[in-house]
Amino acid sequence: MKLRWGRAAERELIGAAKFYEEQAAGLGVEFLDEAQRVAALLVEFPNLGVSVSDARREVLLNRFPYRLVYDLDDAGVRIIAVAHQKQRPEYWQWRVDEARVRYAA
């Protein structure tokens, strides 16, 4: 199974890491390590996260108030969002809908 990060998810990952690095030296790297560790687990155990719809799942990160929102398709695991647990719930929903239209064409 293959892992892919959506462009917006990559931007969110980097933005959160920069924020944490500004708070304390090394904390941004720890955030990136945790996100990558969880993403690697998803490749091995794609159903690890909680189902939130027919095609979408999410899994929480340890130590950080973030979740990886992802879906599964024939190509593997696709990270849709690196979403803060308490900010703008489901703001990333349009990404799922947009991807379905793009891949259906």
PDB file of N, CA and C in Angstrom:
ATOM      1  N   MET A   1       0.852  -1.175   0.000  1.00  0.00           N
ATOM      2  CA  MET A   1       0.000   0.000   0.000  1.00  0.00           C
ATOM      3  C   MET A   1       0.899   1.241   0.000  1.00  0.00           C
ATOM      4  N   LYS A   2       0.461   2.251  -0.697  1.00  0.00           N
ATOM      5  CA  LYS A   2       1.232   3.481  -0.873  1.00  0.00           C
ATOM      6  C   LYS A   2       0.611   4.626  -0.067  1.00  0.00           C
ATOM      7  N   LEU A   3       1.461   5.552   0.392  1.00  0.00           N
ATOM      8  CA  LEU A   3       1.010   6.723   1.124  1.00  0.00           C
ATOM      9  C   LEU A   3       1.193   7.958   0.262  1.00  0.00           C
ATOM     10  N   ARG A   4       0.138   8.777   0.193  1.00  0.00           N
ATOM     11  CA  ARG A   4       0.199  10.055  -0.522  1.00  0.00           C
ATOM     12  C   ARG A   4      -0.317  11.153   0.392  1.00  0.00           C
ATOM     13  N   TRP A   5       0.309  12.306   0.334  1.00  0.00           N
ATOM     14  CA  TRP A   5      -0.133  13.485   1.086  1.00  0.00           C
ATOM     15  C   TRP A   5      -0.723  14.471   0.094  1.00  0.00           C
ATOM     16  N   GLY A   6      -1.940  14.937   0.354  1.00  0.00           N
ATOM     17  CA  GLY A   6      -2.509  15.992  -0.458  1.00  0.00           C
ATOM     18  C   GLY A   6      -1.713  17.276  -0.258  1.00  0.00           C
ATOM     19  N   ARG A   7      -1.734  18.143  -1.246  1.00  0.00           N
ATOM     20  CA  ARG A   7      -0.969  19.401  -1.153  1.00  0.00           C
ATOM     21  C   ARG A   7      -1.372  20.231   0.052  1.00  0.00           C
ATOM     22  N   ALA A   8      -2.672  20.367   0.267  1.00  0.00           N
ATOM     23  CA  ALA A   8      -3.147  21.159   1.400  1.00  0.00           C
ATOM     24  C   ALA A   8      -2.735  20.508   2.721  1.00  0.00           C
ATOM     25  N   ALA A   9      -2.778  19.191   2.786  1.00  0.00           N
ATOM     26  CA  ALA A   9      -2.359  18.482   4.004  1.00  0.00           C
ATOM     27  C   ALA A   9      -0.874  18.711   4.276  1.00  0.00           C
ATOM     28  N   GLU A  10      -0.064  18.711   3.221  1.00  0.00           N
ATOM     29  CA  GLU A  10       1.371  18.994   3.390  1.00  0.00           C
ATOM     30  C   GLU A  10       1.586  20.400   3.929  1.00  0.00           C
ATOM     31  N   ARG A  11       0.844  21.362   3.402  1.00  0.00           N
ATOM     32  CA  ARG A  11       0.967  22.743   3.896  1.00  0.00           C
ATOM     33  C   ARG A  11       0.572  22.831   5.368  1.00  0.00           C
ATOM     34  N   GLU A  12      -0.492  22.138   5.744  1.00  0.00           N
ATOM     35  CA  GLU A  12      -0.920  22.140   7.138  1.00  0.00           C
ATOM     36  C   GLU A  12       0.119  21.491   8.044  1.00  0.00           C
ATOM     37  N   LEU A  13       0.697  20.413   7.580  1.00  0.00           N
ATOM     38  CA  LEU A  13       1.733  19.710   8.341  1.00  0.00           C
ATOM     39  C   LEU A  13       2.923  20.627   8.593  1.00  0.00           C
ATOM     40  N   ILE A  14       3.389  21.275   7.551  1.00  0.00           N
ATOM     41  CA  ILE A  14       4.537  22.178   7.665  1.00  0.00           C
ATOM     42  C   ILE A  14       4.200  23.389   8.527  1.00  0.00           C
ATOM     43  N   GLY A  15       3.005  23.946   8.341  1.00  0.00           N
ATOM     44  CA  GLY A  15       2.589  25.103   9.136  1.00  0.00           C
ATOM     45  C   GLY A  15       2.518  24.785  10.623  1.00  0.00           C
ATOM     46  N   ALA A  16       1.960  23.638  10.962  1.00  0.00           N
ATOM     47  CA  ALA A  16       1.873  23.244  12.369  1.00  0.00           C
ATOM     48  C   ALA A  16       3.266  22.992  12.939  1.00  0.00           C
ATOM     49  N   ALA A  17       4.135  22.365  12.150  1.00  0.00           N
ATOM     50  CA  ALA A  17       5.509  22.107  12.611  1.00  0.00           C
ATOM     51  C   ALA A  17       6.245  23.420  12.864  1.00  0.00           C
ATOM     52  N   LYS A  18       6.068  24.382  11.989  1.00  0.00           N
ATOM     53  CA  LYS A  18       6.702  25.695  12.192  1.00  0.00           C
ATOM     54  C   LYS A  18       6.181  26.354  13.458  1.00  0.00           C
ATOM     55  N   PHE A  19       4.874  26.286  13.672  1.00  0.00           N
ATOM     56  CA  PHE A  19       4.288  26.857  14.885  1.00  0.00           C
ATOM     57  C   PHE A  19       4.913  26.230  16.132  1.00  0.00           C
ATOM     58  N   TYR A  20       4.979  24.903  16.166  1.00  0.00           N
ATOM     59  CA  TYR A  20       5.536  24.226  17.337  1.00  0.00           C
ATOM     60  C   TYR A  20       7.021  24.529  17.511  1.00  0.00           C
ATOM     61  N   GLU A  21       7.732  24.660  16.427  1.00  0.00           N
ATOM     62  CA  GLU A  21       9.163  24.974  16.508  1.00  0.00           C
ATOM     63  C   GLU A  21       9.373  26.368  17.092  1.00  0.00           C
ATOM     64  N   GLU A  22       8.463  27.289  16.799  1.00  0.00           N
ATOM     65  CA  GLU A  22       8.546  28.638  17.376  1.00  0.00           C
ATOM     66  C   GLU A  22       8.258  28.625  18.872  1.00  0.00           C
ATOM     67  N   GLN A  23       7.473  27.656  19.322  1.00  0.00           N
ATOM     68  CA  GLN A  23       7.141  27.555  20.740  1.00  0.00           C
ATOM     69  C   GLN A  23       8.314  27.008  21.550  1.00  0.00           C
ATOM     70  N   ALA A  24       9.016  26.023  20.994  1.00  0.00           N
ATOM     71  CA  ALA A  24      10.154  25.406  21.680  1.00  0.00           C
ATOM     72  C   ALA A  24      11.023  24.694  20.655  1.00  0.00           C
ATOM     73  N   ALA A  25      12.306  24.925  20.752  1.00  0.00           N
ATOM     74  CA  ALA A  25      13.249  24.299  19.809  1.00  0.00           C
ATOM     75  C   ALA A  25      13.107  22.776  19.864  1.00  0.00           C
ATOM     76  N   GLY A  26      12.947  22.185  18.695  1.00  0.00           N
ATOM     77  CA  GLY A  26      12.831  20.735  18.593  1.00  0.00           C
ATOM     78  C   GLY A  26      11.402  20.218  18.621  1.00  0.00           C
ATOM     79  N   LEU A  27      10.463  21.028  19.084  1.00  0.00           N
ATOM     80  CA  LEU A  27       9.078  20.567  19.178  1.00  0.00           C
ATOM     81  C   LEU A  27       8.453  20.380  17.799  1.00  0.00           C
ATOM     82  N   GLY A  28       8.829  21.221  16.848  1.00  0.00           N
ATOM     83  CA  GLY A  28       8.331  21.063  15.486  1.00  0.00           C
ATOM     84  C   GLY A  28       8.777  19.751  14.866  1.00  0.00           C
ATOM     85  N   VAL A  29      10.020  19.381  15.129  1.00  0.00           N
ATOM     86  CA  VAL A  29      10.548  18.109  14.623  1.00  0.00           C
ATOM     87  C   VAL A  29       9.806  16.942  15.269  1.00  0.00           C
ATOM     88  N   GLU A  30       9.513  17.069  16.563  1.00  0.00           N
ATOM     89  CA  GLU A  30       8.756  16.015  17.247  1.00  0.00           C
ATOM     90  C   GLU A  30       7.352  15.878  16.655  1.00  0.00           C
ATOM     91  N   PHE A  31       6.743  17.003  16.303  1.00  0.00           N
ATOM     92  CA  PHE A  31       5.426  16.965  15.664  1.00  0.00           C
ATOM     93  C   PHE A  31       5.509  16.236  14.318  1.00  0.00           C
ATOM     94  N   LEU A  32       6.503  16.600  13.507  1.00  0.00           N
ATOM     95  CA  LEU A  32       6.671  15.936  12.205  1.00  0.00           C
ATOM     96  C   LEU A  32       6.912  14.439  12.379  1.00  0.00           C
ATOM     97  N   ASP A  33       7.752  14.086  13.338  1.00  0.00           N
ATOM     98  CA  ASP A  33       8.032  12.665  13.589  1.00  0.00           C
ATOM     99  C   ASP A  33       6.758  11.911  13.953  1.00  0.00           C
ATOM    100  N   GLU A  34       5.932  12.522  14.809  1.00  0.00           N
ATOM    101  CA  GLU A  34       4.689  11.867  15.224  1.00  0.00           C
ATOM    102  C   GLU A  34       3.731  11.717  14.045  1.00  0.00           C
ATOM    103  N   ALA A  35       3.584  12.752  13.243  1.00  0.00           N
ATOM    104  CA  ALA A  35       2.693  12.674  12.076  1.00  0.00           C
ATOM    105  C   ALA A  35       3.182  11.605  11.096  1.00  0.00           C
ATOM    106  N   GLN A  36       4.471  11.538  10.878  1.00  0.00           N
ATOM    107  CA  GLN A  36       5.019  10.538   9.954  1.00  0.00           C
ATOM    108  C   GLN A  36       4.909   9.127  10.532  1.00  0.00           C
ATOM    109  N   ARG A  37       5.063   9.003  11.847  1.00  0.00           N
ATOM    110  CA  ARG A  37       4.914   7.692  12.487  1.00  0.00           C
ATOM    111  C   ARG A  37       3.487   7.174  12.302  1.00  0.00           C
ATOM    112  N   VAL A  38       2.509   8.048  12.556  1.00  0.00           N
ATOM    113  CA  VAL A  38       1.105   7.648  12.424  1.00  0.00           C
ATOM    114  C   VAL A  38       0.770   7.357  10.963  1.00  0.00           C
ATOM    115  N   ALA A  39       1.273   8.170  10.049  1.00  0.00           N
ATOM    116  CA  ALA A  39       1.026   7.931   8.620  1.00  0.00           C
ATOM    117  C   ALA A  39       1.599   6.577   8.191  1.00  0.00           C
ATOM    118  N   ALA A  40       2.779   6.236   8.686  1.00  0.00           N
ATOM    119  CA  ALA A  40       3.379   4.936   8.361  1.00  0.00           C
ATOM    120  C   ALA A  40       2.524   3.797   8.910  1.00  0.00           C
ATOM    121  N   LEU A  41       1.944   3.992  10.086  1.00  0.00           N
ATOM    122  CA  LEU A  41       1.044   2.972  10.640  1.00  0.00           C
ATOM    123  C   LEU A  41      -0.173   2.772   9.744  1.00  0.00           C
ATOM    124  N   LEU A  42      -0.652   3.866   9.156  1.00  0.00           N
ATOM    125  CA  LEU A  42      -1.819   3.768   8.272  1.00  0.00           C
ATOM    126  C   LEU A  42      -1.528   2.932   7.034  1.00  0.00           C
ATOM    127  N   VAL A  43      -0.307   2.994   6.560  1.00  0.00           N
ATOM    128  CA  VAL A  43       0.070   2.176   5.402  1.00  0.00           C
ATOM    129  C   VAL A  43       0.006   0.699   5.782  1.00  0.00           C
ATOM    130  N   GLU A  44       0.466   0.399   6.971  1.00  0.00           N
ATOM    131  CA  GLU A  44       0.466  -0.984   7.430  1.00  0.00           C
ATOM    132  C   GLU A  44      -0.920  -1.452   7.883  1.00  0.00           C
ATOM    133  N   PHE A  45      -1.655  -0.539   8.546  1.00  0.00           N
ATOM    134  CA  PHE A  45      -2.984  -0.853   9.078  1.00  0.00           C
ATOM    135  C   PHE A  45      -3.972   0.232   8.622  1.00  0.00           C
ATOM    136  N   PRO A  46      -4.416   0.186   7.373  1.00  0.00           N
ATOM    137  CA  PRO A  46      -5.233   1.271   6.821  1.00  0.00           C
ATOM    138  C   PRO A  46      -6.569   1.495   7.525  1.00  0.00           C
ATOM    139  N   ASN A  47      -7.079   0.514   8.210  1.00  0.00           N
ATOM    140  CA  ASN A  47      -8.356   0.672   8.910  1.00  0.00           C
ATOM    141  C   ASN A  47      -8.173   1.072  10.364  1.00  0.00           C
ATOM    142  N   LEU A  48      -6.983   1.528  10.709  1.00  0.00           N
ATOM    143  CA  LEU A  48      -6.663   1.907  12.083  1.00  0.00           C
ATOM    144  C   LEU A  48      -7.542   3.044  12.592  1.00  0.00           C
ATOM    145  N   GLY A  49      -7.778   4.018  11.758  1.00  0.00           N
ATOM    146  CA  GLY A  49      -8.551   5.192  12.172  1.00  0.00           C
ATOM    147  C   GLY A  49     -10.033   4.906  12.305  1.00  0.00           C
ATOM    148  N   VAL A  50     -10.729   5.898  12.811  1.00  0.00           N
ATOM    149  CA  VAL A  50     -12.173   5.814  12.998  1.00  0.00           C
ATOM    150  C   VAL A  50     -12.865   6.237  11.709  1.00  0.00           C
ATOM    151  N   SER A  51     -13.845   5.476  11.293  1.00  0.00           N
ATOM    152  CA  SER A  51     -14.610   5.814  10.097  1.00  0.00           C
ATOM    153  C   SER A  51     -15.529   6.992  10.396  1.00  0.00           C
ATOM    154  N   VAL A  52     -15.453   8.021   9.546  1.00  0.00           N
ATOM    155  CA  VAL A  52     -16.331   9.176   9.716  1.00  0.00           C
ATOM    156  C   VAL A  52     -17.291   9.332   8.539  1.00  0.00           C
ATOM    157  N   SER A  53     -17.133   8.500   7.516  1.00  0.00           N
ATOM    158  CA  SER A  53     -18.060   8.431   6.394  1.00  0.00           C
ATOM    159  C   SER A  53     -17.718   7.166   5.615  1.00  0.00           C
ATOM    160  N   ASP A  54     -18.398   6.962   4.502  1.00  0.00           N
ATOM    161  CA  ASP A  54     -18.133   5.761   3.703  1.00  0.00           C
ATOM    162  C   ASP A  54     -16.683   5.656   3.262  1.00  0.00           C
ATOM    163  N   ALA A  55     -16.100   6.774   2.868  1.00  0.00           N
ATOM    164  CA  ALA A  55     -14.759   6.726   2.282  1.00  0.00           C
ATOM    165  C   ALA A  55     -13.704   7.449   3.108  1.00  0.00           C
ATOM    166  N   ARG A  56     -14.086   8.002   4.247  1.00  0.00           N
ATOM    167  CA  ARG A  56     -13.156   8.852   4.992  1.00  0.00           C
ATOM    168  C   ARG A  56     -12.942   8.318   6.399  1.00  0.00           C
ATOM    169  N   ARG A  57     -11.690   8.409   6.855  1.00  0.00           N
ATOM    170  CA  ARG A  57     -11.330   7.968   8.193  1.00  0.00           C
ATOM    171  C   ARG A  57     -10.439   9.026   8.823  1.00  0.00           C
ATOM    172  N   GLU A  58     -10.277   8.952  10.127  1.00  0.00           N
ATOM    173  CA  GLU A  58      -9.361   9.863  10.804  1.00  0.00           C
ATOM    174  C   GLU A  58      -8.724   9.157  11.992  1.00  0.00           C
ATOM    175  N   VAL A  59      -7.507   9.605  12.294  1.00  0.00           N
ATOM    176  CA  VAL A  59      -6.756   9.034  13.407  1.00  0.00           C
ATOM    177  C   VAL A  59      -6.069  10.178  14.152  1.00  0.00           C
ATOM    178  N   LEU A  60      -6.065  10.088  15.478  1.00  0.00           N
ATOM    179  CA  LEU A  60      -5.475  11.133  16.307  1.00  0.00           C
ATOM    180  C   LEU A  60      -3.967  10.938  16.442  1.00  0.00           C
ATOM    181  N   LEU A  61      -3.266  12.056  16.546  1.00  0.00           N
ATOM    182  CA  LEU A  61      -1.844  12.006  16.861  1.00  0.00           C
ATOM    183  C   LEU A  61      -1.696  11.968  18.382  1.00  0.00           C
ATOM    184  N   ASN A  62      -0.623  11.374  18.854  1.00  0.00           N
ATOM    185  CA  ASN A  62      -0.298  11.406  20.278  1.00  0.00           C
ATOM    186  C   ASN A  62       0.409  12.713  20.599  1.00  0.00           C
ATOM    187  N   ARG A  63       0.182  13.238  21.788  1.00  0.00           N
ATOM    188  CA  ARG A  63       0.841  14.438  22.304  1.00  0.00           C
ATOM    189  C   ARG A  63       0.404  15.748  21.665  1.00  0.00           C
ATOM    190  N   PHE A  64      -0.158  15.715  20.502  1.00  0.00           N
ATOM    191  CA  PHE A  64      -0.517  16.934  19.783  1.00  0.00           C
ATOM    192  C   PHE A  64      -2.008  16.906  19.455  1.00  0.00           C
ATOM    193  N   PRO A  65      -2.686  18.050  19.527  1.00  0.00           N
ATOM    194  CA  PRO A  65      -4.134  18.073  19.289  1.00  0.00           C
ATOM    195  C   PRO A  65      -4.487  18.106  17.792  1.00  0.00           C
ATOM    196  N   TYR A  66      -3.955  17.164  17.047  1.00  0.00           N
ATOM    197  CA  TYR A  66      -4.184  17.075  15.608  1.00  0.00           C
ATOM    198  C   TYR A  66      -4.654  15.678  15.250  1.00  0.00           C
ATOM    199  N   ARG A  67      -5.301  15.604  14.102  1.00  0.00           N
ATOM    200  CA  ARG A  67      -5.734  14.323  13.552  1.00  0.00           C
ATOM    201  C   ARG A  67      -5.390  14.290  12.074  1.00  0.00           C
ATOM    202  N   LEU A  68      -5.087  13.114  11.591  1.00  0.00           N
ATOM    203  CA  LEU A  68      -4.889  12.920  10.159  1.00  0.00           C
ATOM    204  C   LEU A  68      -6.210  12.427   9.592  1.00  0.00           C
ATOM    205  N   VAL A  69      -6.729  13.149   8.628  1.00  0.00           N
ATOM    206  CA  VAL A  69      -7.950  12.752   7.934  1.00  0.00           C
ATOM    207  C   VAL A  69      -7.497  12.127   6.622  1.00  0.00           C
ATOM    208  N   TYR A  70      -8.000  10.947   6.316  1.00  0.00           N
ATOM    209  CA  TYR A  70      -7.518  10.237   5.138  1.00  0.00           C
ATOM    210  C   TYR A  70      -8.625   9.421   4.492  1.00  0.00           C
ATOM    211  N   ASP A  71      -8.348   9.022   3.273  1.00  0.00           N
ATOM    212  CA  ASP A  71      -9.234   8.074   2.617  1.00  0.00           C
ATOM    213  C   ASP A  71      -8.395   6.975   1.985  1.00  0.00           C
ATOM    214  N   LEU A  72      -9.068   5.928   1.595  1.00  0.00           N
ATOM    215  CA  LEU A  72      -8.421   4.767   0.983  1.00  0.00           C
ATOM    216  C   LEU A  72      -8.957   4.602  -0.426  1.00  0.00           C
ATOM    217  N   ASP A  73      -8.057   4.295  -1.336  1.00  0.00           N
ATOM    218  CA  ASP A  73      -8.475   3.980  -2.694  1.00  0.00           C
ATOM    219  C   ASP A  73      -7.553   2.897  -3.225  1.00  0.00           C
ATOM    220  N   ASP A  74      -7.667   2.576  -4.498  1.00  0.00           N
ATOM    221  CA  ASP A  74      -6.857   1.503  -5.075  1.00  0.00           C
ATOM    222  C   ASP A  74      -5.364   1.787  -4.994  1.00  0.00           C
ATOM    223  N   ALA A  75      -4.985   3.062  -4.959  1.00  0.00           N
ATOM    224  CA  ALA A  75      -3.569   3.434  -4.905  1.00  0.00           C
ATOM    225  C   ALA A  75      -3.015   3.395  -3.479  1.00  0.00           C
ATOM    226  N   GLY A  76      -3.877   3.402  -2.467  1.00  0.00           N
ATOM    227  CA  GLY A  76      -3.410   3.342  -1.086  1.00  0.00           C
ATOM    228  C   GLY A  76      -4.080   4.353  -0.182  1.00  0.00           C
ATOM    229  N   VAL A  77      -3.292   4.897   0.731  1.00  0.00           N
ATOM    230  CA  VAL A  77      -3.774   5.859   1.727  1.00  0.00           C
ATOM    231  C   VAL A  77      -3.467   7.263   1.234  1.00  0.00           C
ATOM    232  N   ARG A  78      -4.472   8.131   1.268  1.00  0.00           N
ATOM    233  CA  ARG A  78      -4.268   9.531   0.880  1.00  0.00           C
ATOM    234  C   ARG A  78      -4.650  10.416   2.055  1.00  0.00           C
ATOM    235  N   ILE A  79      -3.664  11.157   2.594  1.00  0.00           N
ATOM    236  CA  ILE A  79      -3.919  12.083   3.687  1.00  0.00           C
ATOM    237  C   ILE A  79      -4.580  13.324   3.099  1.00  0.00           C
ATOM    238  N   ILE A  80      -5.765  13.635   3.567  1.00  0.00           N
ATOM    239  CA  ILE A  80      -6.543  14.762   3.076  1.00  0.00           C
ATOM    240  C   ILE A  80      -6.250  16.018   3.880  1.00  0.00           C
ATOM    241  N   ALA A  81      -6.111  15.855   5.209  1.00  0.00           N
ATOM    242  CA  ALA A  81      -5.916  17.016   6.075  1.00  0.00           C
ATOM    243  C   ALA A  81      -5.125  16.635   7.316  1.00  0.00           C
ATOM    244  N   VAL A  82      -4.380  17.605   7.810  1.00  0.00           N
ATOM    245  CA  VAL A  82      -3.745  17.542   9.123  1.00  0.00           C
ATOM    246  C   VAL A  82      -4.522  18.585   9.925  1.00  0.00           C
ATOM    247  N   ALA A  83      -5.563  18.128  10.600  1.00  0.00           N
ATOM    248  CA  ALA A  83      -6.566  19.022  11.171  1.00  0.00           C
ATOM    249  C   ALA A  83      -6.417  19.152  12.685  1.00  0.00           C
ATOM    250  N   HIS A  84      -6.427  20.393  13.150  1.00  0.00           N
ATOM    251  CA  HIS A  84      -6.439  20.653  14.584  1.00  0.00           C
ATOM    252  C   HIS A  84      -7.781  20.176  15.126  1.00  0.00           C
ATOM    253  N   GLN A  85      -7.766  19.535  16.276  1.00  0.00           N
ATOM    254  CA  GLN A  85      -8.986  18.937  16.804  1.00  0.00           C
ATOM    255  C   GLN A  85     -10.019  19.946  17.281  1.00  0.00           C
ATOM    256  N   LYS A  86      -9.593  21.188  17.558  1.00  0.00           N
ATOM    257  CA  LYS A  86     -10.532  22.152  18.125  1.00  0.00           C
ATOM    258  C   LYS A  86     -10.763  23.373  17.251  1.00  0.00           C
ATOM    259  N   GLN A  87     -10.261  23.367  16.058  1.00  0.00           N
ATOM    260  CA  GLN A  87     -10.424  24.521  15.179  1.00  0.00           C
ATOM    261  C   GLN A  87     -11.186  24.127  13.920  1.00  0.00           C
ATOM    262  N   ARG A  88     -12.169  24.886  13.570  1.00  0.00           N
ATOM    263  CA  ARG A  88     -12.916  24.748  12.323  1.00  0.00           C
ATOM    264  C   ARG A  88     -13.213  23.291  11.954  1.00  0.00           C
ATOM    265  N   PRO A  89     -14.091  22.634  12.673  1.00  0.00           N
ATOM    266  CA  PRO A  89     -14.368  21.231  12.356  1.00  0.00           C
ATOM    267  C   PRO A  89     -14.844  21.051  10.914  1.00  0.00           C
ATOM    268  N   GLU A  90     -14.308  20.069  10.274  1.00  0.00           N
ATOM    269  CA  GLU A  90     -14.660  19.659   8.908  1.00  0.00           C
ATOM    270  C   GLU A  90     -14.474  20.737   7.851  1.00  0.00           C
ATOM    271  N   TYR A  91     -13.583  21.686   8.085  1.00  0.00           N
ATOM    272  CA  TYR A  91     -13.278  22.711   7.077  1.00  0.00           C
ATOM    273  C   TYR A  91     -12.720  22.090   5.799  1.00  0.00           C
ATOM    274  N   TRP A  92     -12.163  20.910   5.918  1.00  0.00           N
ATOM    275  CA  TRP A  92     -11.485  20.235   4.810  1.00  0.00           C
ATOM    276  C   TRP A  92     -12.455  19.410   3.965  1.00  0.00           C
ATOM    277  N   GLN A  93     -13.728  19.391   4.299  1.00  0.00           N
ATOM    278  CA  GLN A  93     -14.708  18.541   3.612  1.00  0.00           C
ATOM    279  C   GLN A  93     -14.694  18.742   2.095  1.00  0.00           C
ATOM    280  N   TRP A  94     -14.544  19.968   1.632  1.00  0.00           N
ATOM    281  CA  TRP A  94     -14.535  20.233   0.197  1.00  0.00           C
ATOM    282  C   TRP A  94     -13.397  19.496  -0.504  1.00  0.00           C
ATOM    283  N   ARG A  95     -12.309  19.222   0.188  1.00  0.00           N
ATOM    284  CA  ARG A  95     -11.181  18.502  -0.423  1.00  0.00           C
ATOM    285  C   ARG A  95     -11.594  17.106  -0.850  1.00  0.00           C
ATOM    286  N   VAL A  96     -12.394  16.468  -0.046  1.00  0.00           N
ATOM    287  CA  VAL A  96     -12.868  15.125  -0.365  1.00  0.00           C
ATOM    288  C   VAL A  96     -13.749  15.184  -1.593  1.00  0.00           C
ATOM    289  N   ASP A  97     -14.701  16.107  -1.597  1.00  0.00           N
ATOM    290  CA  ASP A  97     -15.614  16.242  -2.729  1.00  0.00           C
ATOM    291  C   ASP A  97     -14.861  16.613  -4.002  1.00  0.00           C
ATOM    292  N   GLU A  98     -13.902  17.529  -3.899  1.00  0.00           N
ATOM    293  CA  GLU A  98     -13.117  17.950  -5.055  1.00  0.00           C
ATOM    294  C   GLU A  98     -12.314  16.779  -5.623  1.00  0.00           C
ATOM    295  N   ALA A  99     -11.725  15.971  -4.758  1.00  0.00           N
ATOM    296  CA  ALA A  99     -10.928  14.827  -5.212  1.00  0.00           C
ATOM    297  C   ALA A  99     -11.799  13.804  -5.926  1.00  0.00           C
ATOM    298  N   ARG A 100     -13.016  13.595  -5.444  1.00  0.00           N
ATOM    299  CA  ARG A 100     -13.902  12.633  -6.106  1.00  0.00           C
ATOM    300  C   ARG A 100     -14.236  13.087  -7.526  1.00  0.00           C
ATOM    301  N   VAL A 101     -14.486  14.359  -7.695  1.00  0.00           N
ATOM    302  CA  VAL A 101     -14.801  14.893  -9.023  1.00  0.00           C
ATOM    303  C   VAL A 101     -13.577  14.782  -9.933  1.00  0.00           C
ATOM    304  N   ARG A 102     -12.409  15.152  -9.427  1.00  0.00           N
ATOM    305  CA  ARG A 102     -11.190  15.118 -10.218  1.00  0.00           C
ATOM    306  C   ARG A 102     -10.850  13.697 -10.665  1.00  0.00           C
ATOM    307  N   TYR A 103     -10.978  12.709  -9.752  1.00  0.00           N
ATOM    308  CA  TYR A 103     -10.618  11.345 -10.093  1.00  0.00           C
ATOM    309  C   TYR A 103     -11.687  10.656 -10.923  1.00  0.00           C
ATOM    310  N   ALA A 104     -12.906  11.151 -10.863  1.00  0.00           N
ATOM    311  CA  ALA A 104     -13.991  10.530 -11.636  1.00  0.00           C
ATOM    312  C   ALA A 104     -13.925  10.903 -13.115  1.00  0.00           C
ATOM    313  N   ALA A 105     -13.300  12.031 -13.411  1.00  0.00           N
ATOM    314  CA  ALA A 105     -13.244  12.508 -14.795  1.00  0.00           C
ATOM    315  C   ALA A 105     -12.307  11.706 -15.651  1.00  0.00           C
TER     316      ALA A 105
END
